[in-house]
Amino acid sequence: MSVTAADRVDPTRKGDVAEIAAGVAVLAETINKEHGDKLGGVGTALPPNRTAAEWTAHIERIGDRGGLFYCKDGNEVVAFAVLQPDQVEADTLTMGVWVRESHRRRGIGIELARACAEFAKSTGFTKLRGTIPAYNEPALSFFSAIGPIVQLSGGGMAYELPV
């Protein structure tokens, strides 16, 4: 099967929100388990055990100020990105990207980051910040590598990693 291009959940379409939220809940649990098993119980920046209803509420809370972007392989959500306003800097969006281990190194994470950068630019934000725990070396490597892509897709938008 081929993986779909990154798409943003329309927060006004309740059926779509519920469907994608259910897929993201399953995928998030899988990613946390995969990553935790590899690193001796250390997870990712994903909240643990978030239900489909909690993901739905999160998508609705973000609304048009950000979004949840996703890619599917057939009917299965295999990657997603959460883009939400920074709590301190009004011109900044914070982005997290998660890809199922079996679908990594295919450009899916880059596709999601590009979609997030384009959304941020089109909605008037000037900075995009990646979110990762300091101990997650693969995520740090990914977020370091996408900086130029984000700046290009975002029309020169500032991009920074958390310190």
N, C-alpha and C. Protein backbone atom coordinates (compact mmCIF):
# COMPACT_ATOMS: atom_id res chain seq x y z
N MET A 1 0.84 -1.18 0.00
CA MET A 1 0.00 0.00 0.00
C MET A 1 0.88 1.24 0.00
N SER A 2 0.30 2.33 -0.46
CA SER A 2 1.05 3.58 -0.44
C SER A 2 0.52 4.48 0.66
N VAL A 3 1.41 5.26 1.20
CA VAL A 3 1.06 6.17 2.28
C VAL A 3 0.51 7.45 1.68
N THR A 4 -0.58 7.94 2.25
CA THR A 4 -1.20 9.17 1.76
C THR A 4 -0.34 10.38 2.09
N ALA A 5 -0.53 11.44 1.33
CA ALA A 5 0.13 12.71 1.63
C ALA A 5 -0.43 13.25 2.94
N ALA A 6 0.33 14.11 3.59
CA ALA A 6 -0.11 14.70 4.85
C ALA A 6 -1.40 15.48 4.64
N ASP A 7 -2.33 15.30 5.55
CA ASP A 7 -3.60 16.00 5.50
C ASP A 7 -3.89 16.55 6.89
N ARG A 8 -4.64 17.63 6.97
CA ARG A 8 -5.01 18.24 8.25
C ARG A 8 -6.45 17.87 8.56
N VAL A 9 -6.70 17.47 9.80
CA VAL A 9 -8.06 17.18 10.24
C VAL A 9 -8.82 18.50 10.30
N ASP A 10 -9.96 18.57 9.65
CA ASP A 10 -10.81 19.76 9.73
C ASP A 10 -11.59 19.68 11.03
N PRO A 11 -11.29 20.59 11.99
CA PRO A 11 -11.93 20.49 13.31
C PRO A 11 -13.44 20.70 13.29
N THR A 12 -13.99 21.18 12.18
CA THR A 12 -15.44 21.38 12.09
C THR A 12 -16.18 20.14 11.60
N ARG A 13 -15.44 19.15 11.11
CA ARG A 13 -16.06 17.91 10.60
C ARG A 13 -15.96 16.83 11.68
N LYS A 14 -16.97 16.74 12.51
CA LYS A 14 -16.96 15.88 13.70
C LYS A 14 -16.66 14.42 13.37
N GLY A 15 -17.23 13.90 12.29
CA GLY A 15 -16.98 12.51 11.91
C GLY A 15 -15.53 12.26 11.57
N ASP A 16 -14.92 13.18 10.82
CA ASP A 16 -13.51 13.06 10.47
C ASP A 16 -12.63 13.15 11.71
N VAL A 17 -12.97 14.09 12.60
CA VAL A 17 -12.20 14.27 13.83
C VAL A 17 -12.22 12.97 14.64
N ALA A 18 -13.41 12.39 14.81
CA ALA A 18 -13.54 11.16 15.61
C ALA A 18 -12.77 10.01 14.97
N GLU A 19 -12.84 9.88 13.66
CA GLU A 19 -12.14 8.78 12.96
C GLU A 19 -10.62 8.90 13.11
N ILE A 20 -10.10 10.09 12.85
CA ILE A 20 -8.65 10.28 12.94
C ILE A 20 -8.18 10.21 14.39
N ALA A 21 -8.96 10.77 15.32
CA ALA A 21 -8.60 10.71 16.74
C ALA A 21 -8.49 9.26 17.21
N ALA A 22 -9.39 8.40 16.75
CA ALA A 22 -9.33 6.98 17.12
C ALA A 22 -8.05 6.34 16.57
N GLY A 23 -7.71 6.66 15.32
CA GLY A 23 -6.49 6.12 14.73
C GLY A 23 -5.24 6.64 15.42
N VAL A 24 -5.24 7.90 15.79
CA VAL A 24 -4.10 8.50 16.47
C VAL A 24 -3.93 7.90 17.87
N ALA A 25 -5.03 7.64 18.56
CA ALA A 25 -4.95 7.04 19.90
C ALA A 25 -4.26 5.67 19.83
N VAL A 26 -4.64 4.88 18.85
CA VAL A 26 -4.02 3.55 18.68
C VAL A 26 -2.54 3.71 18.32
N LEU A 27 -2.25 4.59 17.37
CA LEU A 27 -0.87 4.78 16.94
C LEU A 27 0.00 5.33 18.08
N ALA A 28 -0.51 6.29 18.83
CA ALA A 28 0.26 6.87 19.94
C ALA A 28 0.62 5.81 20.97
N GLU A 29 -0.32 4.94 21.27
CA GLU A 29 -0.05 3.85 22.22
C GLU A 29 1.05 2.94 21.67
N THR A 30 0.96 2.62 20.37
CA THR A 30 1.96 1.77 19.72
C THR A 30 3.34 2.43 19.75
N ILE A 31 3.39 3.71 19.40
CA ILE A 31 4.67 4.42 19.36
C ILE A 31 5.28 4.49 20.76
N ASN A 32 4.48 4.82 21.75
CA ASN A 32 5.01 4.88 23.12
C ASN A 32 5.56 3.52 23.54
N LYS A 33 4.87 2.44 23.18
CA LYS A 33 5.33 1.10 23.54
C LYS A 33 6.62 0.76 22.78
N GLU A 34 6.63 0.99 21.47
CA GLU A 34 7.83 0.70 20.67
C GLU A 34 9.04 1.46 21.22
N HIS A 35 8.86 2.72 21.45
CA HIS A 35 9.97 3.56 21.91
C HIS A 35 10.38 3.19 23.34
N GLY A 36 9.39 2.96 24.17
CA GLY A 36 9.66 2.57 25.56
C GLY A 36 10.41 1.26 25.66
N ASP A 37 10.04 0.29 24.81
CA ASP A 37 10.73 -1.00 24.80
C ASP A 37 12.19 -0.85 24.40
N LYS A 38 12.46 0.04 23.43
CA LYS A 38 13.83 0.25 22.96
C LYS A 38 14.70 0.96 23.99
N LEU A 39 14.10 1.88 24.74
CA LEU A 39 14.89 2.71 25.64
C LEU A 39 14.63 2.39 27.11
N GLY A 40 14.26 1.16 27.39
CA GLY A 40 14.09 0.75 28.78
C GLY A 40 13.01 1.48 29.53
N GLY A 41 11.86 1.67 28.86
CA GLY A 41 10.72 2.29 29.53
C GLY A 41 10.62 3.79 29.33
N VAL A 42 11.62 4.40 28.71
CA VAL A 42 11.56 5.83 28.45
C VAL A 42 10.71 6.04 27.21
N GLY A 43 9.68 6.85 27.33
CA GLY A 43 8.75 7.06 26.22
C GLY A 43 9.14 8.22 25.33
N THR A 44 8.13 8.81 24.74
CA THR A 44 8.32 9.95 23.85
C THR A 44 7.64 11.16 24.46
N ALA A 45 7.53 12.23 23.69
CA ALA A 45 6.83 13.42 24.16
C ALA A 45 5.32 13.24 24.09
N LEU A 46 4.88 12.09 23.64
CA LEU A 46 3.43 11.81 23.57
C LEU A 46 2.86 11.60 24.97
N PRO A 47 1.69 12.18 25.22
CA PRO A 47 1.04 11.88 26.51
C PRO A 47 0.69 10.39 26.56
N PRO A 48 0.92 9.73 27.67
CA PRO A 48 0.61 8.30 27.76
C PRO A 48 -0.90 8.05 27.87
N ASN A 49 -1.34 7.02 27.22
CA ASN A 49 -2.72 6.51 27.37
C ASN A 49 -3.81 7.53 27.10
N ARG A 50 -3.61 8.41 26.14
CA ARG A 50 -4.66 9.37 25.76
C ARG A 50 -5.69 8.62 24.91
N THR A 51 -6.96 8.73 25.29
CA THR A 51 -8.04 8.03 24.58
C THR A 51 -8.43 8.79 23.32
N ALA A 52 -9.23 8.12 22.48
CA ALA A 52 -9.75 8.76 21.27
C ALA A 52 -10.56 10.01 21.64
N ALA A 53 -11.34 9.92 22.71
CA ALA A 53 -12.14 11.08 23.15
C ALA A 53 -11.23 12.23 23.57
N GLU A 54 -10.12 11.92 24.23
CA GLU A 54 -9.18 12.97 24.64
C GLU A 54 -8.47 13.58 23.43
N TRP A 55 -8.14 12.76 22.43
CA TRP A 55 -7.55 13.29 21.20
C TRP A 55 -8.57 14.17 20.47
N THR A 56 -9.82 13.74 20.45
CA THR A 56 -10.88 14.55 19.83
C THR A 56 -10.96 15.91 20.51
N ALA A 57 -10.99 15.92 21.82
CA ALA A 57 -11.06 17.18 22.57
C ALA A 57 -9.83 18.05 22.28
N HIS A 58 -8.67 17.44 22.16
CA HIS A 58 -7.44 18.19 21.88
C HIS A 58 -7.52 18.84 20.50
N ILE A 59 -7.97 18.09 19.51
CA ILE A 59 -8.11 18.63 18.15
C ILE A 59 -9.09 19.80 18.14
N GLU A 60 -10.21 19.63 18.83
CA GLU A 60 -11.21 20.69 18.88
C GLU A 60 -10.69 21.92 19.63
N ARG A 61 -9.90 21.70 20.68
CA ARG A 61 -9.35 22.80 21.46
C ARG A 61 -8.35 23.62 20.62
N ILE A 62 -7.54 22.95 19.82
CA ILE A 62 -6.59 23.65 18.95
C ILE A 62 -7.35 24.43 17.88
N GLY A 63 -8.39 23.83 17.32
CA GLY A 63 -9.22 24.50 16.31
C GLY A 63 -8.43 24.96 15.11
N ASP A 64 -8.71 26.18 14.66
CA ASP A 64 -8.07 26.74 13.47
C ASP A 64 -6.72 27.37 13.77
N ARG A 65 -6.30 27.40 15.03
CA ARG A 65 -5.02 28.02 15.41
C ARG A 65 -3.84 27.08 15.22
N GLY A 66 -4.09 25.87 14.83
CA GLY A 66 -3.07 24.86 14.62
C GLY A 66 -3.73 23.66 13.98
N GLY A 67 -3.36 22.47 14.42
CA GLY A 67 -4.05 21.31 13.86
C GLY A 67 -3.34 20.01 14.11
N LEU A 68 -4.02 18.96 13.73
CA LEU A 68 -3.46 17.63 13.74
C LEU A 68 -3.37 17.20 12.29
N PHE A 69 -2.16 16.90 11.85
CA PHE A 69 -1.90 16.46 10.49
C PHE A 69 -1.59 14.97 10.56
N TYR A 70 -1.94 14.22 9.52
CA TYR A 70 -1.76 12.78 9.58
C TYR A 70 -1.48 12.20 8.20
N CYS A 71 -0.91 11.00 8.20
CA CYS A 71 -0.71 10.20 6.99
C CYS A 71 -1.24 8.81 7.29
N LYS A 72 -1.85 8.21 6.27
CA LYS A 72 -2.40 6.86 6.41
C LYS A 72 -1.72 5.91 5.43
N ASP A 73 -1.69 4.65 5.81
CA ASP A 73 -1.30 3.56 4.93
C ASP A 73 -2.55 2.70 4.85
N GLY A 74 -3.26 2.79 3.75
CA GLY A 74 -4.58 2.16 3.67
C GLY A 74 -5.52 2.90 4.59
N ASN A 75 -6.15 2.18 5.51
CA ASN A 75 -7.07 2.79 6.47
C ASN A 75 -6.42 3.08 7.81
N GLU A 76 -5.13 2.79 7.94
CA GLU A 76 -4.43 2.93 9.22
C GLU A 76 -3.62 4.22 9.29
N VAL A 77 -3.81 4.99 10.36
CA VAL A 77 -2.97 6.17 10.60
C VAL A 77 -1.59 5.65 11.00
N VAL A 78 -0.55 6.07 10.24
CA VAL A 78 0.81 5.58 10.52
C VAL A 78 1.75 6.70 10.97
N ALA A 79 1.27 7.94 10.90
CA ALA A 79 2.09 9.08 11.32
C ALA A 79 1.17 10.26 11.57
N PHE A 80 1.60 11.13 12.49
CA PHE A 80 0.84 12.35 12.71
C PHE A 80 1.73 13.43 13.30
N ALA A 81 1.27 14.65 13.17
CA ALA A 81 1.95 15.80 13.75
C ALA A 81 0.90 16.66 14.45
N VAL A 82 1.27 17.18 15.59
CA VAL A 82 0.41 18.11 16.32
C VAL A 82 1.07 19.48 16.24
N LEU A 83 0.29 20.45 15.81
CA LEU A 83 0.75 21.82 15.67
C LEU A 83 -0.16 22.69 16.51
N GLN A 84 0.42 23.36 17.51
CA GLN A 84 -0.42 24.16 18.41
C GLN A 84 0.29 25.44 18.82
N PRO A 85 -0.49 26.46 19.15
CA PRO A 85 0.13 27.73 19.55
C PRO A 85 1.01 27.56 20.78
N ASP A 86 2.16 28.23 20.74
CA ASP A 86 3.05 28.24 21.89
C ASP A 86 2.37 28.99 23.03
N GLN A 87 2.56 28.54 24.24
CA GLN A 87 1.90 29.16 25.38
C GLN A 87 2.53 30.47 25.83
N VAL A 88 3.74 30.77 25.32
CA VAL A 88 4.44 31.98 25.74
C VAL A 88 4.54 33.00 24.59
N GLU A 89 4.96 32.53 23.42
CA GLU A 89 5.19 33.43 22.28
C GLU A 89 4.02 33.37 21.31
N ALA A 90 3.32 34.49 21.16
CA ALA A 90 2.10 34.54 20.35
C ALA A 90 2.34 34.28 18.86
N ASP A 91 3.53 34.56 18.35
CA ASP A 91 3.81 34.38 16.92
C ASP A 91 4.40 33.00 16.61
N THR A 92 4.37 32.08 17.59
CA THR A 92 5.05 30.79 17.47
C THR A 92 4.07 29.62 17.57
N LEU A 93 4.28 28.63 16.71
CA LEU A 93 3.57 27.36 16.81
C LEU A 93 4.57 26.30 17.25
N THR A 94 4.10 25.38 18.06
CA THR A 94 4.92 24.26 18.53
C THR A 94 4.48 23.01 17.78
N MET A 95 5.45 22.24 17.30
CA MET A 95 5.16 21.07 16.48
C MET A 95 5.79 19.81 17.08
N GLY A 96 5.01 18.74 17.12
CA GLY A 96 5.51 17.42 17.45
C GLY A 96 5.17 16.49 16.30
N VAL A 97 6.08 15.60 15.94
CA VAL A 97 5.88 14.68 14.82
C VAL A 97 6.17 13.26 15.31
N TRP A 98 5.25 12.33 14.99
CA TRP A 98 5.42 10.93 15.39
C TRP A 98 5.11 10.03 14.21
N VAL A 99 6.01 9.06 13.96
CA VAL A 99 5.85 8.12 12.86
C VAL A 99 6.04 6.71 13.40
N ARG A 100 5.14 5.83 13.02
CA ARG A 100 5.26 4.43 13.43
C ARG A 100 6.61 3.89 12.96
N GLU A 101 7.26 3.12 13.80
CA GLU A 101 8.61 2.64 13.51
C GLU A 101 8.70 1.95 12.14
N SER A 102 7.70 1.15 11.79
CA SER A 102 7.73 0.43 10.51
C SER A 102 7.63 1.36 9.30
N HIS A 103 7.28 2.61 9.51
CA HIS A 103 7.12 3.56 8.40
C HIS A 103 8.15 4.69 8.43
N ARG A 104 9.16 4.56 9.27
CA ARG A 104 10.19 5.60 9.34
C ARG A 104 11.15 5.48 8.16
N ARG A 105 11.87 6.57 7.92
CA ARG A 105 12.87 6.65 6.84
C ARG A 105 12.24 6.51 5.46
N ARG A 106 11.01 7.01 5.32
CA ARG A 106 10.32 7.03 4.03
C ARG A 106 9.94 8.46 3.63
N GLY A 107 10.34 9.43 4.41
CA GLY A 107 10.01 10.82 4.12
C GLY A 107 8.66 11.27 4.68
N ILE A 108 8.01 10.41 5.45
CA ILE A 108 6.68 10.75 5.98
C ILE A 108 6.77 11.87 7.02
N GLY A 109 7.74 11.79 7.90
CA GLY A 109 7.92 12.85 8.90
C GLY A 109 8.23 14.19 8.25
N ILE A 110 9.05 14.16 7.21
CA ILE A 110 9.37 15.39 6.48
C ILE A 110 8.12 15.95 5.82
N GLU A 111 7.31 15.10 5.25
CA GLU A 111 6.05 15.52 4.63
C GLU A 111 5.16 16.20 5.66
N LEU A 112 5.07 15.62 6.85
CA LEU A 112 4.25 16.22 7.91
C LEU A 112 4.83 17.57 8.35
N ALA A 113 6.15 17.65 8.53
CA ALA A 113 6.79 18.91 8.92
C ALA A 113 6.56 19.98 7.86
N ARG A 114 6.65 19.61 6.60
CA ARG A 114 6.43 20.56 5.51
C ARG A 114 4.99 21.07 5.55
N ALA A 115 4.03 20.17 5.75
CA ALA A 115 2.62 20.58 5.82
C ALA A 115 2.40 21.54 7.00
N CYS A 116 3.04 21.25 8.12
CA CYS A 116 2.92 22.12 9.30
C CYS A 116 3.50 23.50 9.02
N ALA A 117 4.67 23.54 8.38
CA ALA A 117 5.32 24.82 8.07
C ALA A 117 4.46 25.64 7.10
N GLU A 118 3.90 24.98 6.11
CA GLU A 118 3.04 25.69 5.15
C GLU A 118 1.80 26.24 5.83
N PHE A 119 1.21 25.46 6.74
CA PHE A 119 0.04 25.93 7.49
C PHE A 119 0.42 27.13 8.35
N ALA A 120 1.54 27.02 9.06
CA ALA A 120 1.99 28.11 9.93
C ALA A 120 2.18 29.40 9.14
N LYS A 121 2.82 29.29 7.99
CA LYS A 121 3.05 30.47 7.15
C LYS A 121 1.72 31.05 6.68
N SER A 122 0.81 30.19 6.22
CA SER A 122 -0.45 30.67 5.66
C SER A 122 -1.36 31.31 6.71
N THR A 123 -1.12 31.02 7.96
CA THR A 123 -1.95 31.59 9.03
C THR A 123 -1.25 32.72 9.78
N GLY A 124 -0.08 33.15 9.29
CA GLY A 124 0.56 34.34 9.82
C GLY A 124 1.54 34.14 10.97
N PHE A 125 1.86 32.90 11.31
CA PHE A 125 2.86 32.67 12.36
C PHE A 125 4.25 32.90 11.78
N THR A 126 5.19 33.31 12.60
CA THR A 126 6.53 33.60 12.11
C THR A 126 7.60 32.65 12.63
N LYS A 127 7.23 31.78 13.58
CA LYS A 127 8.22 30.86 14.13
C LYS A 127 7.58 29.50 14.40
N LEU A 128 8.36 28.46 14.16
CA LEU A 128 7.94 27.09 14.42
C LEU A 128 8.98 26.46 15.34
N ARG A 129 8.52 25.80 16.38
CA ARG A 129 9.43 25.19 17.36
C ARG A 129 9.11 23.70 17.46
N GLY A 130 10.15 22.87 17.38
CA GLY A 130 9.99 21.43 17.56
C GLY A 130 9.94 21.07 19.03
N THR A 131 9.20 20.02 19.38
CA THR A 131 9.15 19.57 20.77
C THR A 131 9.65 18.15 20.87
N ILE A 132 10.67 17.95 21.68
CA ILE A 132 11.22 16.61 21.90
C ILE A 132 11.83 16.53 23.28
N PRO A 133 11.78 15.33 23.88
CA PRO A 133 12.52 15.16 25.13
C PRO A 133 14.02 15.10 24.83
N ALA A 134 14.82 15.62 25.72
CA ALA A 134 16.27 15.70 25.51
C ALA A 134 16.91 14.33 25.28
N TYR A 135 16.36 13.27 25.86
CA TYR A 135 16.98 11.94 25.77
C TYR A 135 16.58 11.16 24.52
N ASN A 136 15.78 11.74 23.64
CA ASN A 136 15.30 11.04 22.45
C ASN A 136 16.19 11.40 21.26
N GLU A 137 17.30 10.67 21.12
CA GLU A 137 18.29 10.95 20.08
C GLU A 137 17.71 10.87 18.66
N PRO A 138 16.89 9.84 18.31
CA PRO A 138 16.34 9.82 16.95
C PRO A 138 15.48 11.05 16.66
N ALA A 139 14.69 11.50 17.63
CA ALA A 139 13.85 12.68 17.42
C ALA A 139 14.71 13.93 17.29
N LEU A 140 15.76 14.03 18.10
CA LEU A 140 16.66 15.17 18.02
C LEU A 140 17.32 15.23 16.64
N SER A 141 17.73 14.09 16.14
CA SER A 141 18.34 14.02 14.82
C SER A 141 17.35 14.45 13.74
N PHE A 142 16.11 13.96 13.83
CA PHE A 142 15.07 14.31 12.86
C PHE A 142 14.80 15.81 12.88
N PHE A 143 14.57 16.37 14.06
CA PHE A 143 14.23 17.79 14.16
C PHE A 143 15.40 18.67 13.74
N SER A 144 16.62 18.22 13.95
CA SER A 144 17.79 18.98 13.48
C SER A 144 17.83 18.98 11.96
N ALA A 145 17.52 17.85 11.35
CA ALA A 145 17.59 17.71 9.90
C ALA A 145 16.49 18.49 9.17
N ILE A 146 15.33 18.66 9.78
CA ILE A 146 14.24 19.31 9.06
C ILE A 146 14.27 20.83 9.13
N GLY A 147 15.17 21.40 9.91
CA GLY A 147 15.25 22.86 10.01
C GLY A 147 15.25 23.57 8.67
N PRO A 148 16.16 23.20 7.74
CA PRO A 148 16.18 23.88 6.43
C PRO A 148 14.89 23.65 5.63
N ILE A 149 14.29 22.47 5.77
CA ILE A 149 13.05 22.18 5.05
C ILE A 149 11.93 23.08 5.57
N VAL A 150 11.83 23.21 6.88
CA VAL A 150 10.81 24.07 7.48
C VAL A 150 11.02 25.51 7.02
N GLN A 151 12.26 25.97 7.03
CA GLN A 151 12.53 27.36 6.62
C GLN A 151 12.18 27.58 5.16
N LEU A 152 12.46 26.60 4.31
CA LEU A 152 12.13 26.71 2.89
C LEU A 152 10.62 26.67 2.68
N SER A 153 9.95 25.69 3.27
CA SER A 153 8.50 25.56 3.11
C SER A 153 7.75 26.72 3.77
N GLY A 154 8.31 27.25 4.83
CA GLY A 154 7.68 28.35 5.55
C GLY A 154 8.10 29.71 5.05
N GLY A 155 8.78 29.77 3.91
CA GLY A 155 9.17 31.06 3.33
C GLY A 155 10.13 31.84 4.23
N GLY A 156 11.12 31.17 4.80
CA GLY A 156 12.08 31.85 5.65
C GLY A 156 11.68 31.91 7.11
N MET A 157 10.61 31.20 7.46
CA MET A 157 10.13 31.18 8.84
C MET A 157 11.25 30.73 9.79
N ALA A 158 11.30 31.34 10.96
CA ALA A 158 12.28 30.94 11.96
C ALA A 158 11.94 29.56 12.48
N TYR A 159 12.94 28.74 12.72
CA TYR A 159 12.73 27.40 13.24
C TYR A 159 13.73 27.17 14.35
N GLU A 160 13.26 26.62 15.44
CA GLU A 160 14.21 26.34 16.53
C GLU A 160 13.87 25.06 17.23
N LEU A 161 14.91 24.46 17.77
CA LEU A 161 14.76 23.29 18.63
C LEU A 161 14.65 23.76 20.07
N PRO A 162 13.97 23.01 20.90
CA PRO A 162 13.94 23.39 22.31
C PRO A 162 15.34 23.27 22.92
N VAL A 163 15.64 24.12 23.87
CA VAL A 163 16.96 24.11 24.50
C VAL A 163 16.94 23.19 25.70
